[in-house]
Every structure is written in structure tokens, then in C-alpha cells.
Amino acid sequence: MGYCIFDKGRREGLEVGDLLITTLGKHRIINGMIQIINLRESTTTAVIRKSSDMVTNGDEVLGFK
């Protein structure tokens, strides 16, 4: 199990427990699912629940409200 931190948070409407997907490349290929476990105004910590490839810096996170 891995973790990731990204620069979106409460002000974007995220909440603890939200499930989001990560994508890679210009074709937005889905490569993972993450769940928010800690939230601040402008940052989020999430646990990686599933991934078909390594979730890395630069992967796009989708599923914002």
C-alpha cells in the first residue's frame, strides 16, 4: 500500500473518504484509485487503493466535485 500527496484540498470541495482516480499520459489512461485520508485547505494525503502501474508525480487526479 502506498500514499500520495497532492495540491488540492478542502477549498476544491474534497472530503475525507472521497475516492478519486489517477490517470497518465495525454490520453488519460486510468492507472489507479486513491482514497483521501487526510485533508487540509490546499493539500491532500491519500492512500493508493488500486493501481495498474506506479502512481507518480505528474499523474492527473480526477473526480473532483
PDB file of N, CA and C in Angstrom:
ATOM      1  N   MET A   1       0.846  -1.171   0.000  1.00  0.00           N
ATOM      2  CA  MET A   1       0.000   0.000   0.000  1.00  0.00           C
ATOM      3  C   MET A   1       0.889   1.230   0.000  1.00  0.00           C
ATOM      4  N   GLY A   2       0.550   2.199  -0.850  1.00  0.00           N
ATOM      5  CA  GLY A   2       1.322   3.423  -0.931  1.00  0.00           C
ATOM      6  C   GLY A   2       0.461   4.639  -0.623  1.00  0.00           C
ATOM      7  N   TYR A   3       1.117   5.766  -0.541  1.00  0.00           N
ATOM      8  CA  TYR A   3       0.437   7.015  -0.245  1.00  0.00           C
ATOM      9  C   TYR A   3       0.856   8.066  -1.249  1.00  0.00           C
ATOM     10  N   CYS A   4       0.024   9.083  -1.426  1.00  0.00           N
ATOM     11  CA  CYS A   4       0.393  10.203  -2.277  1.00  0.00           C
ATOM     12  C   CYS A   4      -0.130  11.488  -1.656  1.00  0.00           C
ATOM     13  N   ILE A   5       0.515  12.575  -2.010  1.00  0.00           N
ATOM     14  CA  ILE A   5       0.129  13.904  -1.542  1.00  0.00           C
ATOM     15  C   ILE A   5      -0.029  14.771  -2.775  1.00  0.00           C
ATOM     16  N   PHE A   6      -1.097  15.557  -2.829  1.00  0.00           N
ATOM     17  CA  PHE A   6      -1.253  16.454  -3.974  1.00  0.00           C
ATOM     18  C   PHE A   6      -1.837  17.793  -3.534  1.00  0.00           C
ATOM     19  N   ASP A   7      -1.782  18.757  -4.440  1.00  0.00           N
ATOM     20  CA  ASP A   7      -2.055  20.151  -4.108  1.00  0.00           C
ATOM     21  C   ASP A   7      -3.504  20.600  -4.350  1.00  0.00           C
ATOM     22  N   LYS A   8      -4.435  19.799  -3.940  1.00  0.00           N
ATOM     23  CA  LYS A   8      -5.857  20.168  -3.924  1.00  0.00           C
ATOM     24  C   LYS A   8      -6.372  19.805  -2.540  1.00  0.00           C
ATOM     25  N   GLY A   9      -7.399  20.511  -2.085  1.00  0.00           N
ATOM     26  CA  GLY A   9      -7.873  20.234  -0.737  1.00  0.00           C
ATOM     27  C   GLY A   9      -9.303  20.666  -0.506  1.00  0.00           C
ATOM     28  N   ARG A  10      -9.550  21.100   0.722  1.00  0.00           N
ATOM     29  CA  ARG A  10     -10.894  21.483   1.156  1.00  0.00           C
ATOM     30  C   ARG A  10     -11.505  22.560   0.261  1.00  0.00           C
ATOM     31  N   ARG A  11     -10.691  23.511  -0.155  1.00  0.00           N
ATOM     32  CA  ARG A  11     -11.240  24.622  -0.950  1.00  0.00           C
ATOM     33  C   ARG A  11     -11.747  24.172  -2.319  1.00  0.00           C
ATOM     34  N   GLU A  12     -11.308  22.999  -2.782  1.00  0.00           N
ATOM     35  CA  GLU A  12     -11.822  22.434  -4.037  1.00  0.00           C
ATOM     36  C   GLU A  12     -13.026  21.517  -3.794  1.00  0.00           C
ATOM     37  N   GLY A  13     -13.452  21.397  -2.546  1.00  0.00           N
ATOM     38  CA  GLY A  13     -14.625  20.602  -2.226  1.00  0.00           C
ATOM     39  C   GLY A  13     -14.340  19.150  -1.885  1.00  0.00           C
ATOM     40  N   LEU A  14     -13.069  18.796  -1.711  1.00  0.00           N
ATOM     41  CA  LEU A  14     -12.731  17.418  -1.362  1.00  0.00           C
ATOM     42  C   LEU A  14     -13.081  17.131   0.093  1.00  0.00           C
ATOM     43  N   GLU A  15     -13.333  15.861   0.391  1.00  0.00           N
ATOM     44  CA  GLU A  15     -13.650  15.433   1.752  1.00  0.00           C
ATOM     45  C   GLU A  15     -12.920  14.133   2.064  1.00  0.00           C
ATOM     46  N   VAL A  16     -12.620  13.917   3.348  1.00  0.00           N
ATOM     47  CA  VAL A  16     -12.005  12.658   3.777  1.00  0.00           C
ATOM     48  C   VAL A  16     -12.930  11.518   3.366  1.00  0.00           C
ATOM     49  N   GLY A  17     -12.355  10.474   2.780  1.00  0.00           N
ATOM     50  CA  GLY A  17     -13.125   9.323   2.323  1.00  0.00           C
ATOM     51  C   GLY A  17     -13.417   9.335   0.838  1.00  0.00           C
ATOM     52  N   ASP A  18     -13.298  10.496   0.172  1.00  0.00           N
ATOM     53  CA  ASP A  18     -13.553  10.564  -1.263  1.00  0.00           C
ATOM     54  C   ASP A  18     -12.643   9.608  -2.024  1.00  0.00           C
ATOM     55  N   LEU A  19     -13.189   8.966  -3.047  1.00  0.00           N
ATOM     56  CA  LEU A  19     -12.418   8.118  -3.954  1.00  0.00           C
ATOM     57  C   LEU A  19     -12.178   8.881  -5.248  1.00  0.00           C
ATOM     58  N   LEU A  20     -10.937   8.883  -5.711  1.00  0.00           N
ATOM     59  CA  LEU A  20     -10.553   9.585  -6.924  1.00  0.00           C
ATOM     60  C   LEU A  20      -9.755   8.626  -7.804  1.00  0.00           C
ATOM     61  N   ILE A  21      -9.670   8.939  -9.089  1.00  0.00           N
ATOM     62  CA  ILE A  21      -8.848   8.115  -9.974  1.00  0.00           C
ATOM     63  C   ILE A  21      -7.632   8.905 -10.423  1.00  0.00           C
ATOM     64  N   THR A  22      -6.571   8.188 -10.751  1.00  0.00           N
ATOM     65  CA  THR A  22      -5.376   8.816 -11.302  1.00  0.00           C
ATOM     66  C   THR A  22      -5.225   8.344 -12.738  1.00  0.00           C
ATOM     67  N   THR A  23      -4.726   9.242 -13.573  1.00  0.00           N
ATOM     68  CA  THR A  23      -4.522   8.915 -14.984  1.00  0.00           C
ATOM     69  C   THR A  23      -3.118   9.312 -15.394  1.00  0.00           C
ATOM     70  N   LEU A  24      -2.669   8.715 -16.492  1.00  0.00           N
ATOM     71  CA  LEU A  24      -1.354   9.082 -17.003  1.00  0.00           C
ATOM     72  C   LEU A  24      -1.430   9.321 -18.495  1.00  0.00           C
ATOM     73  N   GLY A  25      -0.517  10.136 -18.960  1.00  0.00           N
ATOM     74  CA  GLY A  25      -0.404  10.406 -20.391  1.00  0.00           C
ATOM     75  C   GLY A  25      -1.480  11.322 -20.929  1.00  0.00           C
ATOM     76  N   LYS A  26      -1.248  11.760 -22.170  1.00  0.00           N
ATOM     77  CA  LYS A  26      -2.189  12.695 -22.786  1.00  0.00           C
ATOM     78  C   LYS A  26      -3.524  12.050 -23.109  1.00  0.00           C
ATOM     79  N   HIS A  27      -3.569  10.718 -23.132  1.00  0.00           N
ATOM     80  CA  HIS A  27      -4.819  10.012 -23.414  1.00  0.00           C
ATOM     81  C   HIS A  27      -5.587   9.662 -22.143  1.00  0.00           C
ATOM     82  N   ARG A  28      -5.065  10.122 -21.015  1.00  0.00           N
ATOM     83  CA  ARG A  28      -5.716   9.918 -19.708  1.00  0.00           C
ATOM     84  C   ARG A  28      -6.063   8.455 -19.449  1.00  0.00           C
ATOM     85  N   ILE A  29      -5.087   7.609 -19.537  1.00  0.00           N
ATOM     86  CA  ILE A  29      -5.262   6.188 -19.246  1.00  0.00           C
ATOM     87  C   ILE A  29      -5.359   6.018 -17.729  1.00  0.00           C
ATOM     88  N   ILE A  30      -6.434   5.408 -17.263  1.00  0.00           N
ATOM     89  CA  ILE A  30      -6.618   5.215 -15.818  1.00  0.00           C
ATOM     90  C   ILE A  30      -5.572   4.240 -15.305  1.00  0.00           C
ATOM     91  N   ASN A  31      -4.844   4.658 -14.274  1.00  0.00           N
ATOM     92  CA  ASN A  31      -3.818   3.775 -13.716  1.00  0.00           C
ATOM     93  C   ASN A  31      -3.947   3.566 -12.217  1.00  0.00           C
ATOM     94  N   GLY A  32      -4.950   4.175 -11.560  1.00  0.00           N
ATOM     95  CA  GLY A  32      -5.079   3.947 -10.132  1.00  0.00           C
ATOM     96  C   GLY A  32      -6.331   4.546  -9.521  1.00  0.00           C
ATOM     97  N   MET A  33      -6.598   4.124  -8.281  1.00  0.00           N
ATOM     98  CA  MET A  33      -7.687   4.680  -7.487  1.00  0.00           C
ATOM     99  C   MET A  33      -7.114   5.016  -6.123  1.00  0.00           C
ATOM    100  N   ILE A  34      -7.389   6.236  -5.662  1.00  0.00           N
ATOM    101  CA  ILE A  34      -6.887   6.684  -4.373  1.00  0.00           C
ATOM    102  C   ILE A  34      -8.059   7.120  -3.489  1.00  0.00           C
ATOM    103  N   GLN A  35      -7.846   7.063  -2.167  1.00  0.00           N
ATOM    104  CA  GLN A  35      -8.871   7.485  -1.219  1.00  0.00           C
ATOM    105  C   GLN A  35      -8.264   8.484  -0.243  1.00  0.00           C
ATOM    106  N   ILE A  36      -8.943   9.598  -0.078  1.00  0.00           N
ATOM    107  CA  ILE A  36      -8.451  10.665   0.794  1.00  0.00           C
ATOM    108  C   ILE A  36      -8.518  10.226   2.262  1.00  0.00           C
ATOM    109  N   ILE A  37      -7.383  10.391   2.959  1.00  0.00           N
ATOM    110  CA  ILE A  37      -7.323  10.030   4.378  1.00  0.00           C
ATOM    111  C   ILE A  37      -6.999  11.215   5.277  1.00  0.00           C
ATOM    112  N   ASN A  38      -6.460  12.294   4.689  1.00  0.00           N
ATOM    113  CA  ASN A  38      -6.135  13.493   5.462  1.00  0.00           C
ATOM    114  C   ASN A  38      -6.303  14.686   4.541  1.00  0.00           C
ATOM    115  N   LEU A  39      -6.853  15.759   5.077  1.00  0.00           N
ATOM    116  CA  LEU A  39      -7.225  16.888   4.237  1.00  0.00           C
ATOM    117  C   LEU A  39      -6.906  18.195   4.926  1.00  0.00           C
ATOM    118  N   ARG A  40      -6.353  19.129   4.165  1.00  0.00           N
ATOM    119  CA  ARG A  40      -6.136  20.500   4.627  1.00  0.00           C
ATOM    120  C   ARG A  40      -6.746  21.436   3.593  1.00  0.00           C
ATOM    121  N   GLU A  41      -6.614  22.712   3.805  1.00  0.00           N
ATOM    122  CA  GLU A  41      -7.236  23.681   2.902  1.00  0.00           C
ATOM    123  C   GLU A  41      -6.760  23.520   1.459  1.00  0.00           C
ATOM    124  N   SER A  42      -5.454  23.299   1.265  1.00  0.00           N
ATOM    125  CA  SER A  42      -4.933  23.234  -0.105  1.00  0.00           C
ATOM    126  C   SER A  42      -4.059  22.011  -0.381  1.00  0.00           C
ATOM    127  N   THR A  43      -4.047  21.032   0.501  1.00  0.00           N
ATOM    128  CA  THR A  43      -3.294  19.792   0.263  1.00  0.00           C
ATOM    129  C   THR A  43      -4.089  18.590   0.749  1.00  0.00           C
ATOM    130  N   THR A  44      -3.782  17.446   0.160  1.00  0.00           N
ATOM    131  CA  THR A  44      -4.481  16.202   0.477  1.00  0.00           C
ATOM    132  C   THR A  44      -3.483  15.060   0.565  1.00  0.00           C
ATOM    133  N   THR A  45      -3.689  14.166   1.514  1.00  0.00           N
ATOM    134  CA  THR A  45      -2.962  12.909   1.592  1.00  0.00           C
ATOM    135  C   THR A  45      -3.962  11.803   1.295  1.00  0.00           C
ATOM    136  N   ALA A  46      -3.558  10.893   0.421  1.00  0.00           N
ATOM    137  CA  ALA A  46      -4.449   9.799   0.032  1.00  0.00           C
ATOM    138  C   ALA A  46      -3.691   8.482   0.045  1.00  0.00           C
ATOM    139  N   VAL A  47      -4.418   7.407   0.291  1.00  0.00           N
ATOM    140  CA  VAL A  47      -3.862   6.066   0.214  1.00  0.00           C
ATOM    141  C   VAL A  47      -4.196   5.518  -1.175  1.00  0.00           C
ATOM    142  N   ILE A  48      -3.244   4.825  -1.769  1.00  0.00           N
ATOM    143  CA  ILE A  48      -3.471   4.227  -3.086  1.00  0.00           C
ATOM    144  C   ILE A  48      -4.175   2.895  -2.872  1.00  0.00           C
ATOM    145  N   ARG A  49      -5.428   2.805  -3.302  1.00  0.00           N
ATOM    146  CA  ARG A  49      -6.242   1.599  -3.115  1.00  0.00           C
ATOM    147  C   ARG A  49      -6.006   0.566  -4.205  1.00  0.00           C
ATOM    148  N   LYS A  50      -5.828   1.021  -5.444  1.00  0.00           N
ATOM    149  CA  LYS A  50      -5.576   0.123  -6.573  1.00  0.00           C
ATOM    150  C   LYS A  50      -4.670   0.844  -7.553  1.00  0.00           C
ATOM    151  N   SER A  51      -3.823   0.093  -8.238  1.00  0.00           N
ATOM    152  CA  SER A  51      -3.038   0.697  -9.311  1.00  0.00           C
ATOM    153  C   SER A  51      -2.591  -0.379 -10.284  1.00  0.00           C
ATOM    154  N   SER A  52      -2.655  -0.035 -11.556  1.00  0.00           N
ATOM    155  CA  SER A  52      -2.188  -0.954 -12.588  1.00  0.00           C
ATOM    156  C   SER A  52      -0.750  -0.635 -12.967  1.00  0.00           C
ATOM    157  N   ASP A  53      -0.288   0.522 -12.522  1.00  0.00           N
ATOM    158  CA  ASP A  53       1.075   0.971 -12.771  1.00  0.00           C
ATOM    159  C   ASP A  53       1.425   1.905 -11.620  1.00  0.00           C
ATOM    160  N   MET A  54       2.671   2.266 -11.492  1.00  0.00           N
ATOM    161  CA  MET A  54       3.101   3.138 -10.412  1.00  0.00           C
ATOM    162  C   MET A  54       2.421   4.499 -10.530  1.00  0.00           C
ATOM    163  N   VAL A  55       1.855   4.992  -9.453  1.00  0.00           N
ATOM    164  CA  VAL A  55       1.309   6.343  -9.403  1.00  0.00           C
ATOM    165  C   VAL A  55       2.474   7.270  -9.113  1.00  0.00           C
ATOM    166  N   THR A  56       2.718   8.213 -10.022  1.00  0.00           N
ATOM    167  CA  THR A  56       3.920   9.040  -9.915  1.00  0.00           C
ATOM    168  C   THR A  56       3.591  10.526 -10.014  1.00  0.00           C
ATOM    169  N   ASN A  57       4.584  11.332  -9.690  1.00  0.00           N
ATOM    170  CA  ASN A  57       4.479  12.776  -9.820  1.00  0.00           C
ATOM    171  C   ASN A  57       4.084  13.124 -11.250  1.00  0.00           C
ATOM    172  N   GLY A  58       3.070  13.947 -11.401  1.00  0.00           N
ATOM    173  CA  GLY A  58       2.612  14.347 -12.727  1.00  0.00           C
ATOM    174  C   GLY A  58       1.372  13.615 -13.201  1.00  0.00           C
ATOM    175  N   ASP A  59       1.019  12.496 -12.570  1.00  0.00           N
ATOM    176  CA  ASP A  59      -0.239  11.814 -12.923  1.00  0.00           C
ATOM    177  C   ASP A  59      -1.401  12.740 -12.566  1.00  0.00           C
ATOM    178  N   GLU A  60      -2.401  12.762 -13.412  1.00  0.00           N
ATOM    179  CA  GLU A  60      -3.556  13.614 -13.156  1.00  0.00           C
ATOM    180  C   GLU A  60      -4.524  12.906 -12.217  1.00  0.00           C
ATOM    181  N   VAL A  61      -5.136  13.680 -11.303  1.00  0.00           N
ATOM    182  CA  VAL A  61      -6.122  13.145 -10.377  1.00  0.00           C
ATOM    183  C   VAL A  61      -7.481  13.673 -10.813  1.00  0.00           C
ATOM    184  N   LEU A  62      -8.445  12.773 -11.012  1.00  0.00           N
ATOM    185  CA  LEU A  62      -9.777  13.146 -11.482  1.00  0.00           C
ATOM    186  C   LEU A  62     -10.836  12.722 -10.480  1.00  0.00           C
ATOM    187  N   GLY A  63     -11.960  13.390 -10.514  1.00  0.00           N
ATOM    188  CA  GLY A  63     -13.068  13.021  -9.652  1.00  0.00           C
ATOM    189  C   GLY A  63     -13.435  14.115  -8.684  1.00  0.00           C
ATOM    190  N   PHE A  64     -12.934  15.335  -8.934  1.00  0.00           N
ATOM    191  CA  PHE A  64     -13.279  16.451  -8.068  1.00  0.00           C
ATOM    192  C   PHE A  64     -14.757  16.769  -8.211  1.00  0.00           C
ATOM    193  N   LYS A  65     -15.366  17.215  -7.141  1.00  0.00           N
ATOM    194  CA  LYS A  65     -16.790  17.569  -7.145  1.00  0.00           C
ATOM    195  C   LYS A  65     -17.004  18.851  -7.920  1.00  0.00           C
TER     196      LYS A  65
END
